[in-house]
Amino acid sequence: MNKTFEEFQAAGQKAQETYAASASAMTKGFQEAASETIEYSRKAAEKGQQAVEKLMDAKTFDKVIEAQQGIVLGAYEDFMAHMTKYGEIFTASAKQAAKPFEAQFSAMTGTANKKTAAK
């Protein structure tokens, strides 16, 4: 009975450590995403200011339309690059957060296989 309680207690401790490691990995991912968002916002503000200046400098209607098309295309490309980077960040974070669980699951299946083979 005492051995079973100790095994149960050890499993609980291991689960707590696993959850903590997973949460830490996700937190790092969220911090990286926040940094990326701040950088994207800063660049978008700068490009917005440049866009206004470019539109104000346009002398003809055709030049305004041309500038506007360039601005929209640039904003779209920047946004898609940002979303791709976000996807990479969250994919990497999810993989890192899953690693502690994968190790624990592998250990549990190995223990279960040993106990089954012993019977």
N, C-alpha and C. Protein backbone atom coordinates (compact mmCIF):
# COMPACT_ATOMS: atom_id res chain seq x y z
N MET A 1 0.83 -1.19 0.00
CA MET A 1 0.00 0.00 0.00
C MET A 1 0.87 1.25 0.00
N ASN A 2 1.92 1.25 0.78
CA ASN A 2 2.80 2.41 0.89
C ASN A 2 3.50 2.67 -0.44
N LYS A 3 3.88 1.58 -1.14
CA LYS A 3 4.54 1.72 -2.43
C LYS A 3 3.58 2.34 -3.45
N THR A 4 2.34 1.94 -3.42
CA THR A 4 1.35 2.48 -4.34
C THR A 4 1.14 3.98 -4.08
N PHE A 5 1.07 4.37 -2.83
CA PHE A 5 0.91 5.78 -2.49
C PHE A 5 2.11 6.58 -2.98
N GLU A 6 3.30 6.05 -2.80
CA GLU A 6 4.51 6.75 -3.24
C GLU A 6 4.53 6.87 -4.76
N GLU A 7 4.09 5.84 -5.47
CA GLU A 7 4.02 5.89 -6.92
C GLU A 7 3.01 6.95 -7.37
N PHE A 8 1.86 6.98 -6.67
CA PHE A 8 0.82 7.96 -6.98
C PHE A 8 1.33 9.38 -6.74
N GLN A 9 2.03 9.56 -5.63
CA GLN A 9 2.58 10.87 -5.29
C GLN A 9 3.64 11.29 -6.31
N ALA A 10 4.49 10.36 -6.70
CA ALA A 10 5.53 10.66 -7.69
C ALA A 10 4.91 11.01 -9.05
N ALA A 11 3.84 10.31 -9.41
CA ALA A 11 3.16 10.60 -10.67
C ALA A 11 2.53 11.99 -10.63
N GLY A 12 1.96 12.36 -9.52
CA GLY A 12 1.39 13.69 -9.37
C GLY A 12 2.44 14.77 -9.47
N GLN A 13 3.58 14.55 -8.86
CA GLN A 13 4.69 15.50 -8.92
C GLN A 13 5.19 15.63 -10.36
N LYS A 14 5.31 14.50 -11.04
CA LYS A 14 5.78 14.51 -12.43
C LYS A 14 4.79 15.25 -13.33
N ALA A 15 3.50 15.04 -13.10
CA ALA A 15 2.47 15.74 -13.88
C ALA A 15 2.55 17.25 -13.66
N GLN A 16 2.76 17.65 -12.42
CA GLN A 16 2.88 19.07 -12.11
C GLN A 16 4.09 19.67 -12.82
N GLU A 17 5.19 18.97 -12.82
CA GLU A 17 6.40 19.45 -13.49
C GLU A 17 6.18 19.53 -15.00
N THR A 18 5.46 18.56 -15.54
CA THR A 18 5.17 18.54 -16.97
C THR A 18 4.31 19.73 -17.36
N TYR A 19 3.26 19.99 -16.59
CA TYR A 19 2.40 21.14 -16.88
C TYR A 19 3.17 22.45 -16.77
N ALA A 20 4.05 22.55 -15.78
CA ALA A 20 4.85 23.77 -15.61
C ALA A 20 5.78 23.99 -16.80
N ALA A 21 6.41 22.92 -17.27
CA ALA A 21 7.31 23.03 -18.41
C ALA A 21 6.54 23.42 -19.68
N SER A 22 5.37 22.85 -19.84
CA SER A 22 4.54 23.17 -20.99
C SER A 22 4.07 24.62 -20.94
N ALA A 23 3.63 25.07 -19.79
CA ALA A 23 3.17 26.45 -19.63
C ALA A 23 4.32 27.43 -19.87
N SER A 24 5.50 27.07 -19.44
CA SER A 24 6.67 27.93 -19.66
C SER A 24 6.96 28.07 -21.15
N ALA A 25 6.86 26.97 -21.88
CA ALA A 25 7.09 27.02 -23.33
C ALA A 25 6.05 27.88 -24.03
N MET A 26 4.80 27.77 -23.62
CA MET A 26 3.75 28.58 -24.22
C MET A 26 3.94 30.06 -23.87
N THR A 27 4.36 30.34 -22.66
CA THR A 27 4.59 31.72 -22.25
C THR A 27 5.68 32.36 -23.11
N LYS A 28 6.74 31.61 -23.36
CA LYS A 28 7.81 32.13 -24.22
C LYS A 28 7.27 32.42 -25.62
N GLY A 29 6.41 31.55 -26.12
CA GLY A 29 5.82 31.77 -27.43
C GLY A 29 4.95 33.02 -27.46
N PHE A 30 4.15 33.22 -26.41
CA PHE A 30 3.32 34.41 -26.34
C PHE A 30 4.16 35.68 -26.25
N GLN A 31 5.27 35.60 -25.52
CA GLN A 31 6.16 36.76 -25.42
C GLN A 31 6.77 37.08 -26.79
N GLU A 32 7.16 36.05 -27.50
CA GLU A 32 7.73 36.26 -28.84
C GLU A 32 6.68 36.85 -29.79
N ALA A 33 5.45 36.36 -29.69
CA ALA A 33 4.36 36.90 -30.52
C ALA A 33 4.08 38.35 -30.17
N ALA A 34 4.12 38.69 -28.90
CA ALA A 34 3.90 40.07 -28.49
C ALA A 34 5.00 40.98 -29.03
N SER A 35 6.23 40.52 -28.96
CA SER A 35 7.34 41.30 -29.51
C SER A 35 7.18 41.50 -31.01
N GLU A 36 6.76 40.45 -31.69
CA GLU A 36 6.53 40.54 -33.14
C GLU A 36 5.41 41.53 -33.45
N THR A 37 4.37 41.53 -32.64
CA THR A 37 3.25 42.45 -32.85
C THR A 37 3.68 43.90 -32.64
N ILE A 38 4.48 44.13 -31.62
CA ILE A 38 4.98 45.48 -31.37
C ILE A 38 5.83 45.97 -32.54
N GLU A 39 6.69 45.11 -33.02
CA GLU A 39 7.55 45.47 -34.15
C GLU A 39 6.72 45.74 -35.41
N TYR A 40 5.73 44.89 -35.66
CA TYR A 40 4.85 45.08 -36.82
C TYR A 40 4.09 46.41 -36.70
N SER A 41 3.59 46.70 -35.53
CA SER A 41 2.84 47.95 -35.31
C SER A 41 3.73 49.17 -35.53
N ARG A 42 4.95 49.09 -35.04
CA ARG A 42 5.88 50.20 -35.22
C ARG A 42 6.16 50.43 -36.71
N LYS A 43 6.43 49.34 -37.44
CA LYS A 43 6.70 49.47 -38.87
C LYS A 43 5.46 49.96 -39.62
N ALA A 44 4.28 49.49 -39.23
CA ALA A 44 3.05 49.92 -39.90
C ALA A 44 2.81 51.41 -39.69
N ALA A 45 3.09 51.90 -38.50
CA ALA A 45 2.93 53.33 -38.23
C ALA A 45 3.89 54.15 -39.08
N GLU A 46 5.13 53.69 -39.18
CA GLU A 46 6.12 54.40 -40.01
C GLU A 46 5.69 54.41 -41.47
N LYS A 47 5.25 53.25 -41.95
CA LYS A 47 4.83 53.16 -43.35
C LYS A 47 3.56 53.96 -43.60
N GLY A 48 2.70 54.06 -42.61
CA GLY A 48 1.50 54.88 -42.74
C GLY A 48 1.85 56.34 -42.91
N GLN A 49 2.82 56.79 -42.14
CA GLN A 49 3.28 58.18 -42.25
C GLN A 49 3.89 58.42 -43.63
N GLN A 50 4.68 57.47 -44.09
CA GLN A 50 5.29 57.59 -45.42
C GLN A 50 4.22 57.60 -46.51
N ALA A 51 3.17 56.81 -46.31
CA ALA A 51 2.09 56.75 -47.30
C ALA A 51 1.37 58.09 -47.40
N VAL A 52 1.11 58.71 -46.27
CA VAL A 52 0.45 60.02 -46.28
C VAL A 52 1.33 61.04 -47.01
N GLU A 53 2.61 61.02 -46.73
CA GLU A 53 3.53 61.94 -47.39
C GLU A 53 3.55 61.69 -48.90
N LYS A 54 3.55 60.42 -49.29
CA LYS A 54 3.58 60.07 -50.70
C LYS A 54 2.30 60.55 -51.40
N LEU A 55 1.17 60.38 -50.73
CA LEU A 55 -0.10 60.84 -51.32
C LEU A 55 -0.16 62.37 -51.40
N MET A 56 0.39 63.03 -50.42
CA MET A 56 0.39 64.50 -50.42
C MET A 56 1.31 65.06 -51.51
N ASP A 57 2.36 64.30 -51.84
CA ASP A 57 3.30 64.75 -52.87
C ASP A 57 2.78 64.52 -54.29
N ALA A 58 1.77 63.67 -54.43
CA ALA A 58 1.24 63.36 -55.76
C ALA A 58 0.60 64.62 -56.36
N LYS A 59 0.94 64.91 -57.61
CA LYS A 59 0.47 66.14 -58.26
C LYS A 59 -0.77 65.90 -59.13
N THR A 60 -0.93 64.68 -59.62
CA THR A 60 -2.07 64.39 -60.48
C THR A 60 -2.88 63.25 -59.89
N PHE A 61 -4.11 63.13 -60.41
CA PHE A 61 -4.99 62.06 -59.95
C PHE A 61 -4.39 60.69 -60.26
N ASP A 62 -3.77 60.57 -61.43
CA ASP A 62 -3.15 59.29 -61.81
C ASP A 62 -2.03 58.92 -60.83
N LYS A 63 -1.27 59.90 -60.41
CA LYS A 63 -0.18 59.64 -59.44
C LYS A 63 -0.76 59.25 -58.07
N VAL A 64 -1.88 59.83 -57.69
CA VAL A 64 -2.53 59.46 -56.43
C VAL A 64 -2.98 58.00 -56.48
N ILE A 65 -3.62 57.60 -57.59
CA ILE A 65 -4.08 56.22 -57.75
C ILE A 65 -2.89 55.27 -57.76
N GLU A 66 -1.85 55.64 -58.47
CA GLU A 66 -0.64 54.81 -58.52
C GLU A 66 -0.02 54.65 -57.13
N ALA A 67 0.07 55.73 -56.39
CA ALA A 67 0.62 55.69 -55.04
C ALA A 67 -0.26 54.84 -54.13
N GLN A 68 -1.56 55.01 -54.25
CA GLN A 68 -2.50 54.26 -53.42
C GLN A 68 -2.38 52.75 -53.69
N GLN A 69 -2.26 52.38 -54.96
CA GLN A 69 -2.10 50.97 -55.30
C GLN A 69 -0.82 50.40 -54.68
N GLY A 70 0.26 51.17 -54.75
CA GLY A 70 1.52 50.73 -54.15
C GLY A 70 1.41 50.58 -52.64
N ILE A 71 0.71 51.51 -52.03
CA ILE A 71 0.53 51.48 -50.57
C ILE A 71 -0.28 50.25 -50.16
N VAL A 72 -1.36 50.01 -50.88
CA VAL A 72 -2.22 48.86 -50.55
C VAL A 72 -1.47 47.55 -50.77
N LEU A 73 -0.76 47.44 -51.87
CA LEU A 73 0.01 46.22 -52.15
C LEU A 73 1.07 45.99 -51.07
N GLY A 74 1.77 47.06 -50.70
CA GLY A 74 2.80 46.93 -49.65
C GLY A 74 2.20 46.53 -48.31
N ALA A 75 1.05 47.13 -47.97
CA ALA A 75 0.39 46.79 -46.71
C ALA A 75 -0.05 45.33 -46.70
N TYR A 76 -0.57 44.86 -47.84
CA TYR A 76 -1.00 43.46 -47.94
C TYR A 76 0.19 42.51 -47.79
N GLU A 77 1.27 42.81 -48.47
CA GLU A 77 2.47 41.96 -48.39
C GLU A 77 3.03 41.94 -46.97
N ASP A 78 3.08 43.11 -46.33
CA ASP A 78 3.56 43.17 -44.95
C ASP A 78 2.67 42.36 -44.01
N PHE A 79 1.36 42.49 -44.20
CA PHE A 79 0.41 41.77 -43.36
C PHE A 79 0.57 40.26 -43.53
N MET A 80 0.69 39.81 -44.77
CA MET A 80 0.84 38.37 -45.02
C MET A 80 2.15 37.85 -44.43
N ALA A 81 3.21 38.63 -44.53
CA ALA A 81 4.49 38.22 -43.93
C ALA A 81 4.36 38.14 -42.42
N HIS A 82 3.63 39.09 -41.85
CA HIS A 82 3.41 39.09 -40.39
C HIS A 82 2.60 37.86 -39.97
N MET A 83 1.57 37.54 -40.70
CA MET A 83 0.74 36.38 -40.36
C MET A 83 1.52 35.07 -40.52
N THR A 84 2.39 35.01 -41.53
CA THR A 84 3.24 33.84 -41.71
C THR A 84 4.18 33.69 -40.52
N LYS A 85 4.76 34.80 -40.09
CA LYS A 85 5.65 34.78 -38.93
C LYS A 85 4.89 34.35 -37.68
N TYR A 86 3.67 34.87 -37.52
CA TYR A 86 2.82 34.46 -36.39
C TYR A 86 2.58 32.95 -36.42
N GLY A 87 2.26 32.43 -37.58
CA GLY A 87 2.02 30.99 -37.71
C GLY A 87 3.24 30.19 -37.30
N GLU A 88 4.42 30.64 -37.72
CA GLU A 88 5.66 29.96 -37.36
C GLU A 88 5.89 30.01 -35.85
N ILE A 89 5.63 31.16 -35.25
CA ILE A 89 5.83 31.32 -33.80
C ILE A 89 4.91 30.37 -33.03
N PHE A 90 3.63 30.36 -33.38
CA PHE A 90 2.69 29.55 -32.63
C PHE A 90 2.87 28.05 -32.90
N THR A 91 3.29 27.69 -34.11
CA THR A 91 3.58 26.29 -34.39
C THR A 91 4.77 25.81 -33.56
N ALA A 92 5.81 26.62 -33.52
CA ALA A 92 6.99 26.27 -32.71
C ALA A 92 6.63 26.21 -31.23
N SER A 93 5.80 27.14 -30.76
CA SER A 93 5.39 27.15 -29.35
C SER A 93 4.59 25.90 -29.01
N ALA A 94 3.68 25.53 -29.89
CA ALA A 94 2.87 24.34 -29.64
C ALA A 94 3.74 23.08 -29.59
N LYS A 95 4.71 23.00 -30.49
CA LYS A 95 5.62 21.85 -30.48
C LYS A 95 6.43 21.80 -29.19
N GLN A 96 6.93 22.96 -28.75
CA GLN A 96 7.71 23.00 -27.51
C GLN A 96 6.84 22.67 -26.30
N ALA A 97 5.59 23.14 -26.32
CA ALA A 97 4.69 22.88 -25.20
C ALA A 97 4.29 21.41 -25.13
N ALA A 98 4.28 20.74 -26.27
CA ALA A 98 3.88 19.33 -26.31
C ALA A 98 5.02 18.38 -25.91
N LYS A 99 6.25 18.83 -26.03
CA LYS A 99 7.39 17.95 -25.74
C LYS A 99 7.36 17.34 -24.34
N PRO A 100 7.07 18.10 -23.29
CA PRO A 100 7.04 17.48 -21.96
C PRO A 100 5.97 16.37 -21.86
N PHE A 101 4.84 16.60 -22.51
CA PHE A 101 3.77 15.60 -22.48
C PHE A 101 4.16 14.36 -23.28
N GLU A 102 4.85 14.57 -24.39
CA GLU A 102 5.30 13.44 -25.20
C GLU A 102 6.25 12.56 -24.39
N ALA A 103 7.17 13.19 -23.67
CA ALA A 103 8.12 12.42 -22.86
C ALA A 103 7.39 11.66 -21.76
N GLN A 104 6.43 12.31 -21.11
CA GLN A 104 5.69 11.64 -20.04
C GLN A 104 4.84 10.51 -20.60
N PHE A 105 4.23 10.73 -21.75
CA PHE A 105 3.41 9.69 -22.37
C PHE A 105 4.26 8.50 -22.76
N SER A 106 5.44 8.76 -23.31
CA SER A 106 6.36 7.67 -23.67
C SER A 106 6.77 6.88 -22.43
N ALA A 107 7.03 7.58 -21.35
CA ALA A 107 7.42 6.91 -20.10
C ALA A 107 6.25 6.07 -19.57
N MET A 108 5.03 6.60 -19.65
CA MET A 108 3.87 5.86 -19.16
C MET A 108 3.61 4.62 -19.99
N THR A 109 3.73 4.72 -21.31
CA THR A 109 3.48 3.55 -22.15
C THR A 109 4.57 2.51 -21.96
N GLY A 110 5.79 2.97 -21.74
CA GLY A 110 6.87 2.02 -21.46
C GLY A 110 6.64 1.28 -20.16
N THR A 111 6.19 1.97 -19.13
CA THR A 111 5.88 1.34 -17.83
C THR A 111 4.72 0.37 -17.97
N ALA A 112 3.71 0.77 -18.71
CA ALA A 112 2.54 -0.10 -18.90
C ALA A 112 2.93 -1.33 -19.67
N ASN A 113 3.78 -1.20 -20.67
CA ASN A 113 4.23 -2.36 -21.44
C ASN A 113 5.03 -3.33 -20.59
N LYS A 114 5.87 -2.77 -19.70
CA LYS A 114 6.67 -3.62 -18.81
C LYS A 114 5.78 -4.40 -17.84
N LYS A 115 4.74 -3.72 -17.29
CA LYS A 115 3.85 -4.38 -16.35
C LYS A 115 3.02 -5.45 -17.06
N THR A 116 2.62 -5.17 -18.30
CA THR A 116 1.84 -6.15 -19.07
C THR A 116 2.71 -7.36 -19.40
N ALA A 117 3.95 -7.13 -19.77
CA ALA A 117 4.85 -8.23 -20.12
C ALA A 117 5.18 -9.08 -18.88
N ALA A 118 5.21 -8.47 -17.72
CA ALA A 118 5.53 -9.20 -16.49
C ALA A 118 4.41 -10.17 -16.11
N LYS A 119 3.17 -9.88 -16.51
CA LYS A 119 2.05 -10.74 -16.15
C LYS A 119 1.98 -11.91 -17.02
